[in-house]
C-alpha atoms as a PDB file:
ATOM      1  CA  UNK A   1       0.000   0.000   0.000  1.00  0.00           C
ATOM      2  CA  UNK A   2       1.269   3.442  -0.792  1.00  0.00           C
ATOM      3  CA  UNK A   3       1.130   6.259   1.729  1.00  0.00           C
ATOM      4  CA  UNK A   4       2.748   9.616   2.281  1.00  0.00           C
ATOM      5  CA  UNK A   5       4.517  10.615   5.475  1.00  0.00           C
ATOM      6  CA  UNK A   6       6.267  13.785   6.508  1.00  0.00           C
ATOM      7  CA  UNK A   7       9.548  13.483   8.390  1.00  0.00           C
ATOM      8  CA  UNK A   8      12.359  15.918   9.012  1.00  0.00           C
ATOM      9  CA  UNK A   9      15.018  16.321   6.354  1.00  0.00           C
ATOM     10  CA  UNK A  10      17.771  15.374   8.798  1.00  0.00           C
ATOM     11  CA  UNK A  11      16.012  12.136   9.764  1.00  0.00           C
ATOM     12  CA  UNK A  12      15.416  11.233   6.132  1.00  0.00           C
ATOM     13  CA  UNK A  13      19.090  11.794   5.306  1.00  0.00           C
ATOM     14  CA  UNK A  14      20.170   9.573   8.206  1.00  0.00           C
ATOM     15  CA  UNK A  15      17.662   6.883   7.227  1.00  0.00           C
ATOM     16  CA  UNK A  16      18.825   6.873   3.618  1.00  0.00           C
ATOM     17  CA  UNK A  17      22.455   6.627   4.714  1.00  0.00           C
ATOM     18  CA  UNK A  18      21.691   3.715   7.048  1.00  0.00           C
ATOM     19  CA  UNK A  19      19.698   1.923   4.364  1.00  0.00           C
ATOM     20  CA  UNK A  20      22.594   2.339   1.918  1.00  0.00           C
ATOM     21  CA  UNK A  21      25.089   1.029   4.484  1.00  0.00           C
ATOM     22  CA  UNK A  22      22.940  -2.039   5.020  1.00  0.00           C
ATOM     23  CA  UNK A  23      22.288  -2.543   1.338  1.00  0.00           C
ATOM     24  CA  UNK A  24      18.565  -2.170   2.047  1.00  0.00           C
ATOM     25  CA  UNK A  25      15.802   0.037   0.782  1.00  0.00           C
ATOM     26  CA  UNK A  26      14.374   2.967   2.684  1.00  0.00           C
ATOM     27  CA  UNK A  27      11.039   1.173   2.610  1.00  0.00           C
ATOM     28  CA  UNK A  28      12.450  -1.940   4.283  1.00  0.00           C
ATOM     29  CA  UNK A  29      14.160   0.179   6.950  1.00  0.00           C
ATOM     30  CA  UNK A  30      10.910   2.015   7.747  1.00  0.00           C
ATOM     31  CA  UNK A  31       8.947  -1.252   7.835  1.00  0.00           C
ATOM     32  CA  UNK A  32      11.531  -2.785  10.168  1.00  0.00           C
ATOM     33  CA  UNK A  33      11.279   0.197  12.506  1.00  0.00           C
ATOM     34  CA  UNK A  34       7.489   0.072  12.570  1.00  0.00           C
ATOM     35  CA  UNK A  35       7.518  -3.672  13.248  1.00  0.00           C
ATOM     36  CA  UNK A  36       9.942  -3.158  16.120  1.00  0.00           C
ATOM     37  CA  UNK A  37       7.831  -0.419  17.727  1.00  0.00           C
ATOM     38  CA  UNK A  38       4.651  -2.487  17.377  1.00  0.00           C
ATOM     39  CA  UNK A  39       6.335  -5.580  18.834  1.00  0.00           C
ATOM     40  CA  UNK A  40       7.616  -3.589  21.827  1.00  0.00           C
ATOM     41  CA  UNK A  41       4.128  -2.264  22.499  1.00  0.00           C
ATOM     42  CA  UNK A  42       2.651  -5.744  22.263  1.00  0.00           C
ATOM     43  CA  UNK A  43       5.257  -7.163  24.662  1.00  0.00           C
ATOM     44  CA  UNK A  44       4.740  -4.391  27.196  1.00  0.00           C
ATOM     45  CA  UNK A  45       0.962  -4.669  27.031  1.00  0.00           C
ATOM     46  CA  UNK A  46      -1.373  -1.996  28.225  1.00  0.00           C
ATOM     47  CA  UNK A  47      -1.006  -1.151  31.886  1.00  0.00           C
ATOM     48  CA  UNK A  48      -4.256  -1.228  33.788  1.00  0.00           C
ATOM     49  CA  UNK A  49      -4.537  -0.268  37.409  1.00  0.00           C
ATOM     50  CA  UNK A  50      -6.661  -2.779  39.255  1.00  0.00           C
ATOM     51  CA  UNK A  51      -9.900  -1.498  40.655  1.00  0.00           C
ATOM     52  CA  UNK A  52      -9.425  -1.056  44.388  1.00  0.00           C
ATOM     53  CA  UNK A  53     -12.252   0.368  46.419  1.00  0.00           C
ATOM     54  CA  UNK A  54     -12.916   0.395  50.116  1.00  0.00           C
ATOM     55  CA  UNK A  55     -16.201   0.231  51.912  1.00  0.00           C
ATOM     56  CA  UNK A  56     -17.100   3.436  53.654  1.00  0.00           C
ATOM     57  CA  UNK A  57     -18.240   6.928  52.982  1.00  0.00           C
ATOM     58  CA  UNK A  58     -14.978   8.507  51.982  1.00  0.00           C
ATOM     59  CA  UNK A  59     -12.890  10.979  53.924  1.00  0.00           C
ATOM     60  CA  UNK A  60     -14.275  11.962  57.301  1.00  0.00           C
ATOM     61  CA  UNK A  61     -15.594  15.514  57.417  1.00  0.00           C
ATOM     62  CA  UNK A  62     -13.012  16.666  59.977  1.00  0.00           C
ATOM     63  CA  UNK A  63     -10.193  15.469  57.696  1.00  0.00           C
ATOM     64  CA  UNK A  64     -11.332  17.348  54.595  1.00  0.00           C
ATOM     65  CA  UNK A  65      -8.809  20.041  53.850  1.00  0.00           C
ATOM     66  CA  UNK A  66      -6.110  18.407  56.001  1.00  0.00           C
ATOM     67  CA  UNK A  67      -2.603  18.353  54.575  1.00  0.00           C
ATOM     68  CA  UNK A  68      -1.101  15.153  53.227  1.00  0.00           C
ATOM     69  CA  UNK A  69       1.404  15.240  56.085  1.00  0.00           C
ATOM     70  CA  UNK A  70      -1.415  15.309  58.665  1.00  0.00           C
ATOM     71  CA  UNK A  71      -3.270  12.451  56.963  1.00  0.00           C
ATOM     72  CA  UNK A  72      -0.060  10.399  56.887  1.00  0.00           C
ATOM     73  CA  UNK A  73       0.566  11.088  60.581  1.00  0.00           C
ATOM     74  CA  UNK A  74      -2.900   9.844  61.451  1.00  0.00           C
ATOM     75  CA  UNK A  75      -2.574   6.754  59.242  1.00  0.00           C
ATOM     76  CA  UNK A  76       0.665   5.686  60.945  1.00  0.00           C
ATOM     77  CA  UNK A  77      -0.178   6.967  64.423  1.00  0.00           C
ATOM     78  CA  UNK A  78      -0.554   3.529  65.978  1.00  0.00           C
ATOM     79  CA  UNK A  79       2.141   1.885  63.877  1.00  0.00           C
ATOM     80  CA  UNK A  80       5.221   3.604  65.222  1.00  0.00           C
ATOM     81  CA  UNK A  81       5.167   6.379  62.639  1.00  0.00           C
END
């Protein structure tokens, strides 16, 4: 399939030079790069944060507006923190 892409002149010059050094075509070099990027994405997979909820009604009214430091102090109060 034919398509048109726009890339910087400097990148195109480097790509052509690399293709010539390898005795390959610019097309094959671009296809190889695309395959590599797609394979890396497939190996990494999409990160999904697990759903973690807690029963309750959220932050207690007296804690709304408290600083993170204060909330942390309270959370570790009975745990030696």
